[in-house]
Amino acid sequence: MATEIIKQLEEWVLAIIAEDPALFLVSIKTRPTNNFKVFVDGDLGLPIEVCAQINRKLYKLLEEAAIYPDGDFSLEVSSPGLSEPLKLIRQYQKNIERDVEVVFKDGSIKEGKLLAVAEADIIIEQITGKGKKAVVQQLVIPLNNIKTTTVQVKF
């Protein structure tokens, strides 16, 4: 039943955000307690007001469908936080020029600045060493070798 509900939520979210081509659905997560987390993002960011509008519309659709007649569900709509790994090409594109940590399927890790994104791979710039001994490398990383990629915030 959970998969059917997620598919229905996905259809509704896509219909709601269809009005704004800069918005896109990243993922929907659910817990056994009927708690739904919907992650939407935008090419230019996602203002909190837009999250609230999507939440209201989606909540209303869930209530009208009477999937949970007693109202026994919770719904959260947000953009993925920095701790959430990048999942879609559009998320990678949005984060070009930002520092990322790439965890490979074999468990190894590379950090660097995301320079470019293609259909099958990404390019990061990695600097090793300091000062005059610093070496700058550009690494081409196939997407199918990546377990997770997260944006790193540096101060």
C-alpha atoms as a PDB file:
ATOM      1  CA  MET A   1       0.000   0.000   0.000  1.00  0.00           C
ATOM      2  CA  ALA A   2       2.856   2.416   0.812  1.00  0.00           C
ATOM      3  CA  THR A   3       4.232   2.164  -2.734  1.00  0.00           C
ATOM      4  CA  GLU A   4       0.810   2.974  -4.194  1.00  0.00           C
ATOM      5  CA  ILE A   5       0.453   5.995  -1.907  1.00  0.00           C
ATOM      6  CA  ILE A   6       3.938   7.224  -2.814  1.00  0.00           C
ATOM      7  CA  LYS A   7       3.117   6.867  -6.533  1.00  0.00           C
ATOM      8  CA  GLN A   8      -0.088   8.863  -5.979  1.00  0.00           C
ATOM      9  CA  LEU A   9       1.802  11.539  -4.004  1.00  0.00           C
ATOM     10  CA  GLU A  10       4.388  11.692  -6.773  1.00  0.00           C
ATOM     11  CA  GLU A  11       1.690  12.277  -9.409  1.00  0.00           C
ATOM     12  CA  TRP A  12       0.080  15.011  -7.297  1.00  0.00           C
ATOM     13  CA  VAL A  13       3.394  16.748  -6.589  1.00  0.00           C
ATOM     14  CA  LEU A  14       4.337  16.687 -10.272  1.00  0.00           C
ATOM     15  CA  ALA A  15       0.948  18.176 -11.163  1.00  0.00           C
ATOM     16  CA  ILE A  16       1.304  20.900  -8.504  1.00  0.00           C
ATOM     17  CA  ILE A  17       4.822  21.930  -9.518  1.00  0.00           C
ATOM     18  CA  ALA A  18       4.131  21.663 -13.274  1.00  0.00           C
ATOM     19  CA  GLU A  19       3.169  25.360 -13.220  1.00  0.00           C
ATOM     20  CA  ASP A  20       6.814  26.297 -12.512  1.00  0.00           C
ATOM     21  CA  PRO A  21       9.367  24.566 -14.803  1.00  0.00           C
ATOM     22  CA  ALA A  22      12.221  25.593 -12.457  1.00  0.00           C
ATOM     23  CA  LEU A  23      10.848  23.265  -9.746  1.00  0.00           C
ATOM     24  CA  PHE A  24      11.475  19.528  -9.643  1.00  0.00           C
ATOM     25  CA  LEU A  25      10.660  16.583  -7.401  1.00  0.00           C
ATOM     26  CA  VAL A  26      13.719  15.008  -5.778  1.00  0.00           C
ATOM     27  CA  SER A  27      12.209  12.241  -3.663  1.00  0.00           C
ATOM     28  CA  ILE A  28       9.445  11.140  -1.326  1.00  0.00           C
ATOM     29  CA  LYS A  29      10.231   9.273   1.864  1.00  0.00           C
ATOM     30  CA  THR A  30       7.769   7.558   4.137  1.00  0.00           C
ATOM     31  CA  ARG A  31       7.813   6.035   7.583  1.00  0.00           C
ATOM     32  CA  PRO A  32       5.503   3.296   8.915  1.00  0.00           C
ATOM     33  CA  THR A  33       3.798   5.999  11.013  1.00  0.00           C
ATOM     34  CA  ASN A  34       2.261   7.510   7.821  1.00  0.00           C
ATOM     35  CA  ASN A  35       4.790  10.335   7.937  1.00  0.00           C
ATOM     36  CA  PHE A  36       5.563  11.574   4.428  1.00  0.00           C
ATOM     37  CA  LYS A  37       8.571  13.745   3.590  1.00  0.00           C
ATOM     38  CA  VAL A  38       8.465  15.285   0.150  1.00  0.00           C
ATOM     39  CA  PHE A  39      11.690  16.824  -1.154  1.00  0.00           C
ATOM     40  CA  VAL A  40      11.257  19.391  -3.913  1.00  0.00           C
ATOM     41  CA  ASP A  41      13.996  21.632  -5.253  1.00  0.00           C
ATOM     42  CA  GLY A  42      14.321  24.499  -7.683  1.00  0.00           C
ATOM     43  CA  ASP A  43      16.982  25.461 -10.171  1.00  0.00           C
ATOM     44  CA  LEU A  44      17.100  28.859  -8.436  1.00  0.00           C
ATOM     45  CA  GLY A  45      16.375  27.592  -4.944  1.00  0.00           C
ATOM     46  CA  LEU A  46      13.084  26.943  -3.187  1.00  0.00           C
ATOM     47  CA  PRO A  47      11.564  29.690  -1.040  1.00  0.00           C
ATOM     48  CA  ILE A  48       9.772  28.606   2.132  1.00  0.00           C
ATOM     49  CA  GLU A  49       6.530  30.173   0.846  1.00  0.00           C
ATOM     50  CA  VAL A  50       6.580  27.825  -2.152  1.00  0.00           C
ATOM     51  CA  CYS A  51       7.125  24.830   0.161  1.00  0.00           C
ATOM     52  CA  ALA A  52       4.126  25.950   2.216  1.00  0.00           C
ATOM     53  CA  GLN A  53       1.928  26.323  -0.897  1.00  0.00           C
ATOM     54  CA  ILE A  54       2.890  22.852  -2.145  1.00  0.00           C
ATOM     55  CA  ASN A  55       2.272  21.422   1.335  1.00  0.00           C
ATOM     56  CA  ARG A  56      -1.214  22.972   1.574  1.00  0.00           C
ATOM     57  CA  LYS A  57      -2.262  21.735  -1.873  1.00  0.00           C
ATOM     58  CA  LEU A  58      -0.865  18.258  -1.277  1.00  0.00           C
ATOM     59  CA  TYR A  59      -2.403  18.001   2.195  1.00  0.00           C
ATOM     60  CA  LYS A  60      -5.795  18.947   0.762  1.00  0.00           C
ATOM     61  CA  LEU A  61      -5.501  16.274  -1.959  1.00  0.00           C
ATOM     62  CA  LEU A  62      -4.564  13.652   0.650  1.00  0.00           C
ATOM     63  CA  GLU A  63      -7.554  14.597   2.802  1.00  0.00           C
ATOM     64  CA  GLU A  64      -9.964  14.602  -0.152  1.00  0.00           C
ATOM     65  CA  ALA A  65      -8.746  11.167  -1.284  1.00  0.00           C
ATOM     66  CA  ALA A  66      -9.595   9.843   2.209  1.00  0.00           C
ATOM     67  CA  ILE A  67      -6.623   7.475   2.149  1.00  0.00           C
ATOM     68  CA  TYR A  68      -6.391   8.018   5.906  1.00  0.00           C
ATOM     69  CA  PRO A  69     -10.030   8.662   6.974  1.00  0.00           C
ATOM     70  CA  ASP A  70      -9.018   9.505  10.549  1.00  0.00           C
ATOM     71  CA  GLY A  71      -6.427  12.031   9.344  1.00  0.00           C
ATOM     72  CA  ASP A  72      -3.761   9.709  10.708  1.00  0.00           C
ATOM     73  CA  PHE A  73      -0.825  11.035   8.631  1.00  0.00           C
ATOM     74  CA  SER A  74       1.708  13.824   8.611  1.00  0.00           C
ATOM     75  CA  LEU A  75       3.190  15.623   5.648  1.00  0.00           C
ATOM     76  CA  GLU A  76       6.372  17.650   5.314  1.00  0.00           C
ATOM     77  CA  VAL A  77       7.432  19.444   2.146  1.00  0.00           C
ATOM     78  CA  SER A  78      10.924  20.925   1.998  1.00  0.00           C
ATOM     79  CA  SER A  79      13.973  21.251  -0.152  1.00  0.00           C
ATOM     80  CA  PRO A  80      16.644  18.652   0.554  1.00  0.00           C
ATOM     81  CA  GLY A  81      19.020  19.944   3.216  1.00  0.00           C
ATOM     82  CA  LEU A  82      22.769  20.002   2.844  1.00  0.00           C
ATOM     83  CA  SER A  83      22.982  16.652   4.607  1.00  0.00           C
ATOM     84  CA  GLU A  84      20.878  15.018   1.877  1.00  0.00           C
ATOM     85  CA  PRO A  85      22.980  13.572  -0.963  1.00  0.00           C
ATOM     86  CA  LEU A  86      22.500  14.835  -4.503  1.00  0.00           C
ATOM     87  CA  LYS A  87      20.285  12.470  -6.486  1.00  0.00           C
ATOM     88  CA  LEU A  88      19.422  14.149  -9.771  1.00  0.00           C
ATOM     89  CA  ILE A  89      21.481  15.695 -12.570  1.00  0.00           C
ATOM     90  CA  ARG A  90      19.597  18.969 -11.972  1.00  0.00           C
ATOM     91  CA  GLN A  91      20.841  19.012  -8.379  1.00  0.00           C
ATOM     92  CA  TYR A  92      24.415  18.503  -9.562  1.00  0.00           C
ATOM     93  CA  GLN A  93      24.013  21.307 -12.127  1.00  0.00           C
ATOM     94  CA  LYS A  94      22.612  23.621  -9.483  1.00  0.00           C
ATOM     95  CA  ASN A  95      25.690  23.017  -7.311  1.00  0.00           C
ATOM     96  CA  ILE A  96      28.421  23.626  -9.899  1.00  0.00           C
ATOM     97  CA  GLU A  97      31.254  25.661  -8.336  1.00  0.00           C
ATOM     98  CA  ARG A  98      30.469  24.332  -4.851  1.00  0.00           C
ATOM     99  CA  ASP A  99      32.652  21.997  -2.831  1.00  0.00           C
ATOM    100  CA  VAL A 100      31.416  18.408  -2.754  1.00  0.00           C
ATOM    101  CA  GLU A 101      32.340  15.132  -1.127  1.00  0.00           C
ATOM    102  CA  VAL A 102      32.002  12.120  -3.395  1.00  0.00           C
ATOM    103  CA  VAL A 103      31.784   8.687  -1.793  1.00  0.00           C
ATOM    104  CA  PHE A 104      32.470   5.912  -4.263  1.00  0.00           C
ATOM    105  CA  LYS A 105      30.767   2.538  -4.263  1.00  0.00           C
ATOM    106  CA  ASP A 106      34.056   1.002  -3.014  1.00  0.00           C
ATOM    107  CA  GLY A 107      33.977   3.328   0.022  1.00  0.00           C
ATOM    108  CA  SER A 108      36.786   5.660  -1.091  1.00  0.00           C
ATOM    109  CA  ILE A 109      36.198   9.402  -0.855  1.00  0.00           C
ATOM    110  CA  LYS A 110      37.251  12.380  -2.950  1.00  0.00           C
ATOM    111  CA  GLU A 111      36.590  16.032  -2.177  1.00  0.00           C
ATOM    112  CA  GLY A 112      36.785  18.953  -4.533  1.00  0.00           C
ATOM    113  CA  LYS A 113      34.973  21.697  -6.366  1.00  0.00           C
ATOM    114  CA  LEU A 114      32.254  20.512  -8.742  1.00  0.00           C
ATOM    115  CA  LEU A 115      33.224  21.942 -12.126  1.00  0.00           C
ATOM    116  CA  ALA A 116      30.953  20.260 -14.642  1.00  0.00           C
ATOM    117  CA  VAL A 117      28.120  17.784 -15.011  1.00  0.00           C
ATOM    118  CA  ALA A 118      27.322  15.601 -18.001  1.00  0.00           C
ATOM    119  CA  GLU A 119      24.789  12.855 -18.548  1.00  0.00           C
ATOM    120  CA  ALA A 120      27.114  10.072 -17.406  1.00  0.00           C
ATOM    121  CA  ASP A 121      29.764  11.776 -15.257  1.00  0.00           C
ATOM    122  CA  ILE A 122      30.882  14.759 -13.228  1.00  0.00           C
ATOM    123  CA  ILE A 123      34.181  16.626 -13.080  1.00  0.00           C
ATOM    124  CA  ILE A 124      35.609  17.823  -9.792  1.00  0.00           C
ATOM    125  CA  GLU A 125      38.732  19.862  -9.164  1.00  0.00           C
ATOM    126  CA  GLN A 126      40.849  18.485  -6.362  1.00  0.00           C
ATOM    127  CA  ILE A 127      43.749  20.364  -4.781  1.00  0.00           C
ATOM    128  CA  THR A 128      46.332  18.345  -2.897  1.00  0.00           C
ATOM    129  CA  GLY A 129      49.247  19.840  -0.985  1.00  0.00           C
ATOM    130  CA  LYS A 130      49.679  23.450   0.113  1.00  0.00           C
ATOM    131  CA  GLY A 131      51.425  26.561  -1.131  1.00  0.00           C
ATOM    132  CA  LYS A 132      53.991  26.032  -3.889  1.00  0.00           C
ATOM    133  CA  LYS A 133      53.566  22.265  -3.618  1.00  0.00           C
ATOM    134  CA  ALA A 134      49.828  22.429  -4.303  1.00  0.00           C
ATOM    135  CA  VAL A 135      48.748  20.197  -7.178  1.00  0.00           C
ATOM    136  CA  VAL A 136      45.450  20.852  -8.953  1.00  0.00           C
ATOM    137  CA  GLN A 137      43.798  17.869 -10.645  1.00  0.00           C
ATOM    138  CA  GLN A 138      40.572  17.552 -12.533  1.00  0.00           C
ATOM    139  CA  LEU A 139      38.910  14.201 -11.921  1.00  0.00           C
ATOM    140  CA  VAL A 140      36.259  12.778 -14.244  1.00  0.00           C
ATOM    141  CA  ILE A 141      33.965  10.603 -12.132  1.00  0.00           C
ATOM    142  CA  PRO A 142      31.375   8.325 -13.770  1.00  0.00           C
ATOM    143  CA  LEU A 143      27.992   8.718 -12.043  1.00  0.00           C
ATOM    144  CA  ASN A 144      27.575   4.936 -11.905  1.00  0.00           C
ATOM    145  CA  ASN A 145      30.675   4.733  -9.638  1.00  0.00           C
ATOM    146  CA  ILE A 146      29.197   7.167  -7.099  1.00  0.00           C
ATOM    147  CA  LYS A 147      27.467   5.975  -3.945  1.00  0.00           C
ATOM    148  CA  THR A 148      26.693   9.503  -2.643  1.00  0.00           C
ATOM    149  CA  THR A 149      27.636  13.102  -3.322  1.00  0.00           C
ATOM    150  CA  THR A 150      27.031  15.775  -0.692  1.00  0.00           C
ATOM    151  CA  VAL A 151      27.652  19.500  -0.811  1.00  0.00           C
ATOM    152  CA  GLN A 152      30.285  20.637   1.692  1.00  0.00           C
ATOM    153  CA  VAL A 153      29.980  23.973   3.437  1.00  0.00           C
ATOM    154  CA  LYS A 154      33.351  25.598   4.082  1.00  0.00           C
ATOM    155  CA  PHE A 155      33.895  28.634   6.264  1.00  0.00           C
END
